[in-house]
Amino acid sequence: MPTFEITTASAADMTTLAGWAHDEGWNPGLADTRPFFATDPCGFLIGRLDGEPVSSVSVVRYGDGFGFLGFYLTRPPLRGRGYGIQIWRAGMTRLSGRTVGLDGVPAQQDNYRRSGFRSCWSNARYEGKPDTGIAAPPGITLVDARTLPFGRIAAYDRQFFPAARDSFLAPWITTAGHAAVAAVRDGELQGLGVLRACRAASRIGPLYAASPEVAASLVSALAATAPDTPVAIDVPDINPSAVRLAEQLGLTPSFDTARMYTGPEPVFDRTGLYGITSLELG
């Protein structure tokens, strides 16, 4: 009988996970593995069949009470044999006692509901080439986010995410191939966006803004750093202004997920959330 074993992923395994995500059409970032692994090095599980990786799940812990699940995959030839549910159970055990979030593709949402998740909103990935000449609104200055004190960036991010995530955010804004732009008025942050190079369209996330006009200027500035590729933003429909902005920028929907949670639904500023950070880590 073949031997199936679940282990913590190594740093080298993270390259394998990125390849699997690409095969699924998720368009992973070219440098995702560094900030992902730094966030929670024990938060990525691999299922091995006779030593060969065949299934995965990421179960990243944030703080004492929140976790995010992603990378739930079994290689196509081996689906339906129970390897996926085994690694799912191991992952959920690691997040036991926490509110857990995930972004579920349509084909898996019923399975997630049976495991106690409920849909809270939908994300639509909008793609295209926006205008790169949109100016910031009066009084707003766009700056390289890496020039600001990190504590200010982390505190601002916390307004839009259920838990502090400094160990993720620091490499996310500084990794090679990532561009991070902040909007500032009178010394106060009014917006933040990060663009990362991906295998297809460059992806923008997170995207936070005090107004659609600020968000538009951030998208424009970020797109200008990668003028030869389209951009993609996973836009939450809980912010109608974000959906309208994506359409006004000429972006078109290409991919859907549902944000789902167990436990109490986290409270954060939804009106300023114009694009989620990632499907894998929230």
Protein backbone atom coordinates (compact mmCIF):
# COMPACT_ATOMS: atom_id res chain seq x y z
CA MET A 1 0.00 0.00 0.00
CA PRO A 2 1.29 3.52 -0.75
CA THR A 3 2.32 5.59 2.24
CA PHE A 4 0.68 9.00 2.71
CA GLU A 5 2.35 11.39 5.14
CA ILE A 6 1.58 15.01 6.06
CA THR A 7 4.54 17.20 6.98
CA THR A 8 5.31 20.87 7.40
CA ALA A 9 6.48 22.31 4.09
CA SER A 10 10.09 23.30 3.64
CA ALA A 11 11.19 26.58 2.10
CA ALA A 12 11.96 24.63 -1.08
CA ASP A 13 8.45 23.16 -1.07
CA MET A 14 7.05 26.67 -1.37
CA THR A 15 8.25 26.75 -4.98
CA THR A 16 6.22 23.60 -5.61
CA LEU A 17 3.11 25.24 -4.14
CA ALA A 18 3.57 28.27 -6.37
CA GLY A 19 3.74 26.00 -9.39
CA TRP A 20 0.55 24.24 -8.38
CA ALA A 21 -1.20 27.59 -7.92
CA HIS A 22 -0.11 28.56 -11.42
CA ASP A 23 -1.52 25.29 -12.79
CA GLU A 24 -4.88 26.16 -11.19
CA GLY A 25 -4.95 29.53 -12.97
CA TRP A 26 -4.53 31.55 -9.78
CA ASN A 27 -1.66 33.65 -11.19
CA PRO A 28 0.68 33.57 -8.17
CA GLY A 29 3.27 36.27 -7.61
CA LEU A 30 6.80 35.57 -8.77
CA ALA A 31 8.17 36.30 -5.29
CA ASP A 32 5.26 35.25 -3.07
CA THR A 33 7.18 32.47 -1.35
CA ARG A 34 9.45 34.77 0.70
CA PRO A 35 6.80 36.89 2.45
CA PHE A 36 4.40 33.93 2.70
CA PHE A 37 6.96 31.68 4.39
CA ALA A 38 8.17 34.48 6.69
CA THR A 39 4.63 35.03 8.01
CA ASP A 40 4.30 31.59 9.58
CA PRO A 41 7.01 29.07 8.62
CA CYS A 42 5.03 26.18 10.10
CA GLY A 43 1.79 27.24 8.44
CA PHE A 44 2.20 25.32 5.17
CA LEU A 45 1.44 21.60 5.04
CA ILE A 46 2.38 19.12 2.32
CA GLY A 47 0.88 15.66 1.80
CA ARG A 48 3.40 13.20 0.37
CA LEU A 49 2.53 9.92 -1.29
CA ASP A 50 5.53 7.60 -1.11
CA GLY A 51 7.63 10.73 -0.63
CA GLU A 52 6.21 12.69 -3.56
CA PRO A 53 4.21 15.90 -2.87
CA VAL A 54 0.57 15.43 -3.91
CA SER A 55 -1.55 17.76 -1.74
CA SER A 56 -1.23 20.96 0.25
CA VAL A 57 -2.91 23.49 2.48
CA SER A 58 -1.73 26.71 4.10
CA VAL A 59 -3.03 27.40 7.59
CA VAL A 60 -1.37 30.63 8.67
CA ARG A 61 -1.87 31.91 12.19
CA TYR A 62 -2.29 35.62 12.92
CA GLY A 63 -2.15 36.69 16.55
CA ASP A 64 -4.01 34.59 19.10
CA GLY A 65 -7.43 34.33 17.49
CA PHE A 66 -7.34 34.47 13.69
CA GLY A 67 -6.10 32.23 10.91
CA PHE A 68 -6.32 32.07 7.14
CA LEU A 69 -6.53 28.97 4.97
CA GLY A 70 -5.32 28.73 1.39
CA PHE A 71 -3.35 26.61 -1.07
CA TYR A 72 -5.89 23.80 -0.61
CA LEU A 73 -4.93 21.55 -3.48
CA THR A 74 -4.58 17.95 -4.54
CA ARG A 75 -2.85 17.12 -7.79
CA PRO A 76 -5.53 16.38 -10.43
CA PRO A 77 -4.69 12.69 -11.11
CA LEU A 78 -5.05 11.87 -7.40
CA ARG A 79 -8.25 13.72 -6.56
CA GLY A 80 -11.11 11.78 -5.05
CA ARG A 81 -8.85 9.41 -3.11
CA GLY A 82 -9.04 11.10 0.28
CA TYR A 83 -5.67 12.85 0.29
CA GLY A 84 -7.28 16.27 0.21
CA ILE A 85 -9.63 15.72 3.13
CA GLN A 86 -6.81 14.30 5.23
CA ILE A 87 -4.65 17.38 4.81
CA TRP A 88 -7.71 19.62 5.28
CA ARG A 89 -8.37 18.02 8.67
CA ALA A 90 -4.73 18.41 9.68
CA GLY A 91 -4.83 22.06 8.67
CA MET A 92 -8.04 22.83 10.51
CA THR A 93 -6.64 21.14 13.61
CA ARG A 94 -3.73 23.59 13.49
CA LEU A 95 -6.24 26.48 13.44
CA SER A 96 -8.49 25.00 16.11
CA GLY A 97 -10.11 27.61 18.35
CA ARG A 98 -9.57 30.48 15.90
CA THR A 99 -11.82 32.34 13.54
CA VAL A 100 -10.67 31.11 10.12
CA GLY A 101 -10.98 32.89 6.79
CA LEU A 102 -10.51 31.69 3.24
CA ASP A 103 -11.22 32.76 -0.33
CA GLY A 104 -13.05 29.88 -1.94
CA VAL A 105 -13.34 29.16 -5.64
CA PRO A 106 -16.91 28.34 -6.75
CA ALA A 107 -16.27 24.60 -7.14
CA GLN A 108 -15.28 24.26 -3.47
CA GLN A 109 -17.70 26.59 -1.71
CA ASP A 110 -20.30 23.93 -0.87
CA ASN A 111 -17.57 21.76 0.64
CA TYR A 112 -16.41 24.67 2.77
CA ARG A 113 -19.96 25.30 3.96
CA ARG A 114 -20.20 21.70 5.08
CA SER A 115 -17.07 22.32 7.14
CA GLY A 116 -18.66 25.27 8.96
CA PHE A 117 -17.66 28.20 6.74
CA ARG A 118 -20.19 30.77 5.60
CA SER A 119 -19.98 33.23 2.71
CA CYS A 120 -19.62 36.86 3.74
CA TRP A 121 -18.90 38.54 0.40
CA SER A 122 -17.62 37.86 -3.11
CA ASN A 123 -14.38 38.94 -4.74
CA ALA A 124 -14.16 39.50 -8.48
CA ARG A 125 -10.74 39.71 -10.08
CA TYR A 126 -10.74 42.67 -12.46
CA GLU A 127 -7.98 42.82 -15.07
CA GLY A 128 -6.81 45.27 -17.71
CA LYS A 129 -4.60 48.24 -18.42
CA PRO A 130 -5.79 51.35 -16.54
CA ASP A 131 -4.79 54.91 -17.36
CA THR A 132 -1.33 55.57 -15.87
CA GLY A 133 -1.81 59.34 -15.85
CA ILE A 134 -4.43 59.75 -13.11
CA ALA A 135 -3.31 62.46 -10.71
CA ALA A 136 -3.81 62.30 -6.97
CA PRO A 137 -6.66 64.44 -5.58
CA PRO A 138 -5.79 67.91 -4.26
CA GLY A 139 -3.93 67.71 -0.97
CA ILE A 140 -2.85 64.10 -1.51
CA THR A 141 0.78 63.19 -2.10
CA LEU A 142 1.82 59.76 -3.37
CA VAL A 143 5.06 58.43 -1.89
CA ASP A 144 7.03 55.21 -1.87
CA ALA A 145 5.55 53.38 1.13
CA ARG A 146 8.99 52.02 2.01
CA THR A 147 10.12 55.54 2.94
CA LEU A 148 7.54 55.80 5.73
CA PRO A 149 8.05 54.51 9.27
CA PHE A 150 6.94 50.89 9.21
CA GLY A 151 4.83 51.31 12.33
CA ARG A 152 2.57 53.75 10.49
CA ILE A 153 2.11 51.32 7.60
CA ALA A 154 1.36 48.44 9.98
CA ALA A 155 -1.17 50.46 11.98
CA TYR A 156 -2.93 51.53 8.79
CA ASP A 157 -3.08 47.95 7.49
CA ARG A 158 -4.65 46.89 10.78
CA GLN A 159 -7.73 49.03 9.99
CA PHE A 160 -8.57 46.72 7.09
CA PHE A 161 -7.41 43.28 8.28
CA PRO A 162 -8.66 41.21 11.24
CA ALA A 163 -5.26 40.91 12.96
CA ALA A 164 -1.81 42.44 13.09
CA ARG A 165 0.45 40.90 10.44
CA ASP A 166 3.78 42.73 10.67
CA SER A 167 5.81 39.62 9.77
CA PHE A 168 3.90 39.44 6.49
CA LEU A 169 3.62 43.12 5.69
CA ALA A 170 7.31 44.02 6.09
CA PRO A 171 8.56 41.66 3.36
CA TRP A 172 5.42 42.25 1.29
CA ILE A 173 6.27 45.92 0.73
CA THR A 174 10.02 45.39 0.36
CA THR A 175 10.43 42.24 -1.73
CA ALA A 176 12.10 42.68 -5.11
CA GLY A 177 9.48 42.89 -7.85
CA HIS A 178 6.98 44.56 -5.51
CA ALA A 179 6.05 48.25 -5.67
CA ALA A 180 4.37 49.90 -2.67
CA VAL A 181 2.76 53.34 -2.88
CA ALA A 182 1.13 55.29 -0.05
CA ALA A 183 -1.22 58.27 -0.24
CA VAL A 184 -0.57 60.93 2.41
CA ARG A 185 -2.45 64.08 3.42
CA ASP A 186 -1.06 66.36 6.15
CA GLY A 187 1.12 63.52 7.39
CA GLU A 188 -1.76 61.04 7.66
CA LEU A 189 -2.12 57.93 5.52
CA GLN A 190 -5.08 58.08 3.17
CA GLY A 191 -4.31 55.03 1.07
CA LEU A 192 -1.91 52.17 0.39
CA GLY A 193 -1.38 49.87 -2.57
CA VAL A 194 1.13 47.14 -3.38
CA LEU A 195 1.77 45.72 -6.85
CA ARG A 196 3.64 42.48 -7.37
CA ALA A 197 4.94 40.89 -10.54
CA CYS A 198 3.09 37.68 -11.41
CA ARG A 199 3.22 35.04 -14.11
CA ALA A 200 0.50 36.87 -16.04
CA ALA A 201 -1.14 40.17 -15.02
CA SER A 202 0.66 42.02 -12.23
CA ARG A 203 -1.57 41.94 -9.17
CA ILE A 204 -2.44 44.86 -6.90
CA GLY A 205 -3.19 44.01 -3.30
CA PRO A 206 -3.81 45.25 -0.79
CA LEU A 207 -5.51 48.37 -2.07
CA TYR A 208 -6.83 50.70 0.64
CA ALA A 209 -8.09 54.23 0.13
CA ALA A 210 -10.09 56.98 1.80
CA SER A 211 -11.99 57.66 -1.45
CA PRO A 212 -12.40 56.29 -4.98
CA GLU A 213 -10.28 59.19 -6.26
CA VAL A 214 -7.39 58.22 -4.00
CA ALA A 215 -7.78 54.57 -5.01
CA ALA A 216 -7.73 55.52 -8.71
CA SER A 217 -4.51 57.49 -8.31
CA LEU A 218 -2.87 54.58 -6.48
CA VAL A 219 -3.87 52.10 -9.18
CA SER A 220 -2.56 54.47 -11.82
CA ALA A 221 0.77 54.98 -10.06
CA LEU A 222 1.23 51.26 -9.46
CA ALA A 223 0.32 50.35 -13.03
CA ALA A 224 2.93 52.83 -14.24
CA THR A 225 5.62 50.72 -12.56
CA ALA A 226 4.71 47.78 -14.81
CA PRO A 227 3.64 49.45 -18.07
CA ASP A 228 4.10 46.39 -20.26
CA THR A 229 1.62 44.14 -18.44
CA PRO A 230 -2.03 44.37 -17.44
CA VAL A 231 -2.90 44.59 -13.75
CA ALA A 232 -5.37 42.56 -11.73
CA ILE A 233 -7.24 43.48 -8.53
CA ASP A 234 -9.38 41.13 -6.43
CA VAL A 235 -12.25 43.52 -5.70
CA PRO A 236 -14.66 42.85 -2.78
CA ASP A 237 -18.32 43.48 -3.55
CA ILE A 238 -18.91 44.65 0.04
CA ASN A 239 -17.48 47.96 -1.19
CA PRO A 240 -19.67 49.07 -4.11
CA SER A 241 -17.35 52.03 -4.71
CA ALA A 242 -14.51 49.59 -5.39
CA VAL A 243 -16.56 47.69 -7.97
CA ARG A 244 -17.59 50.93 -9.71
CA LEU A 245 -14.00 52.12 -9.75
CA ALA A 246 -12.73 48.91 -11.35
CA GLU A 247 -15.33 49.28 -14.09
CA GLN A 248 -14.54 52.99 -14.57
CA LEU A 249 -10.87 52.12 -14.97
CA GLY A 250 -11.78 49.83 -17.86
CA LEU A 251 -10.96 46.60 -16.03
CA THR A 252 -13.01 43.47 -16.71
CA PRO A 253 -13.87 40.58 -14.36
CA SER A 254 -12.06 37.30 -14.99
CA PHE A 255 -12.17 35.18 -11.82
CA ASP A 256 -14.42 34.86 -8.75
CA THR A 257 -14.00 33.74 -5.17
CA ALA A 258 -16.05 34.03 -1.99
CA ARG A 259 -14.63 35.27 1.30
CA MET A 260 -15.80 32.78 3.90
CA TYR A 261 -15.32 32.61 7.67
CA THR A 262 -15.92 30.32 10.60
CA GLY A 263 -16.74 31.85 13.95
CA PRO A 264 -17.55 35.54 14.41
CA GLU A 265 -17.16 37.58 11.25
CA PRO A 266 -14.22 39.97 11.77
CA VAL A 267 -14.92 43.69 12.06
CA PHE A 268 -12.79 46.10 10.03
CA ASP A 269 -13.12 49.12 7.73
CA ARG A 270 -14.84 47.79 4.62
CA THR A 271 -15.50 51.15 3.00
CA GLY A 272 -11.76 51.67 2.49
CA LEU A 273 -11.02 48.18 1.18
CA TYR A 274 -10.67 48.39 -2.60
CA GLY A 275 -8.67 45.23 -3.17
CA ILE A 276 -7.80 42.23 -0.98
CA THR A 277 -4.15 41.32 -0.49
CA SER A 278 -3.99 37.70 -1.59
CA LEU A 279 -6.14 34.60 -1.96
CA GLU A 280 -3.66 32.52 0.01
CA LEU A 281 -2.99 34.57 3.16
CA GLY A 282 -5.93 36.98 3.18
